[in-house]
Structures are given as C-alpha cells and as structure tokens.
Amino acid sequence: MPKMKTRSSAKKRFKKIRKGLIKRAKAFRRHLLTKKSAKRRRDLRQRAYVSAVDVTRISRMLPNG
C-alpha cells in the first residue's frame, strides 16, 4: 500500500492539537484593516478552532499530523 500523502493546502492552514481539535486562523485579516476597529483586529489575531462537523474532513487531509 502506498504512503498516505498530506494535502499541502491543509498543511499550510491547519494544525492538529490536543483532544482531536484542529487550530485555524481567522478570516478578514489580510487587507483593508484601517476601517476595522482596534478591538476587532486584536480579536482576529487570536486563533480559532475548526467546527466539529469539519474536523473529520480536515483530519483526512492531515493523515500524518
């Protein structure tokens, strides 16, 4: 059986952590930041977790962690 390959796109965007959670970055932080409040930009810096319904699908893209 051939090796299972990790999807490069998922490897760049997600990271597996404790208890089967998957960490992701928040959206809306690339450009047009001047019109967003400091509080909103600060909140966008924080990491978020992938929704429970998507964990299985993304885990399949990251077989090697």
Protein backbone atom coordinates (compact mmCIF):
# COMPACT_ATOMS: atom_id res chain seq x y z
CA MET A 1 0.00 0.00 0.00
CA PRO A 2 1.43 3.43 -0.91
CA LYS A 3 2.16 6.12 1.63
CA MET A 4 -0.66 8.48 2.53
CA LYS A 5 0.16 11.98 1.43
CA THR A 6 -0.74 15.13 3.31
CA ARG A 7 -2.58 17.80 1.33
CA SER A 8 -0.26 20.78 1.10
CA SER A 9 -3.10 23.29 1.22
CA ALA A 10 -4.35 21.87 4.54
CA LYS A 11 -0.83 21.59 5.93
CA LYS A 12 -0.39 25.35 5.50
CA ARG A 13 -3.73 26.27 7.10
CA PHE A 14 -4.41 23.83 9.95
CA LYS A 15 -2.60 22.29 12.90
CA LYS A 16 -3.75 19.33 14.99
CA ILE A 17 -3.61 19.87 18.75
CA ARG A 18 -4.86 18.14 21.92
CA LYS A 19 -8.04 16.08 22.10
CA GLY A 20 -8.57 15.98 18.35
CA LEU A 21 -9.05 19.72 17.99
CA ILE A 22 -7.75 21.47 14.90
CA LYS A 23 -6.45 25.03 15.11
CA ARG A 24 -7.03 27.56 12.33
CA ALA A 25 -6.51 31.27 11.70
CA LYS A 26 -9.40 33.71 11.47
CA ALA A 27 -10.51 35.29 8.20
CA PHE A 28 -10.72 39.02 7.28
CA ARG A 29 -7.19 39.93 8.37
CA ARG A 30 -5.37 40.33 5.06
CA HIS A 31 -6.14 43.86 3.92
CA LEU A 32 -8.49 46.84 4.46
CA LEU A 33 -7.55 46.83 8.13
CA THR A 34 -7.71 50.60 8.61
CA LYS A 35 -11.50 50.63 8.66
CA LYS A 36 -11.64 47.84 11.26
CA SER A 37 -11.54 48.79 14.92
CA ALA A 38 -8.53 48.00 17.09
CA LYS A 39 -10.66 45.64 19.15
CA ARG A 40 -11.74 43.73 16.05
CA ARG A 41 -8.17 43.48 14.72
CA ARG A 42 -6.97 42.28 18.11
CA ASP A 43 -9.68 39.62 18.14
CA LEU A 44 -8.74 38.50 14.63
CA ARG A 45 -5.19 37.82 15.85
CA GLN A 46 -6.40 35.04 18.12
CA ARG A 47 -6.57 31.50 16.83
CA ALA A 48 -9.85 29.67 16.41
CA TYR A 49 -10.81 26.01 16.26
CA VAL A 50 -12.35 24.15 13.35
CA SER A 51 -16.03 23.36 13.76
CA ALA A 52 -16.87 19.85 14.98
CA VAL A 53 -18.64 18.96 11.72
CA ASP A 54 -15.49 19.75 9.70
CA VAL A 55 -12.93 18.00 11.91
CA THR A 56 -13.31 14.60 10.23
CA ARG A 57 -12.90 16.03 6.74
CA ILE A 58 -9.80 18.06 7.64
CA SER A 59 -8.28 15.18 9.64
CA ARG A 60 -8.39 13.08 6.49
CA MET A 61 -6.34 15.76 4.72
CA LEU A 62 -3.73 15.62 7.52
CA PRO A 63 -3.01 11.90 8.00
CA ASN A 64 0.46 12.49 9.47
CA GLY A 65 -0.45 15.25 11.86
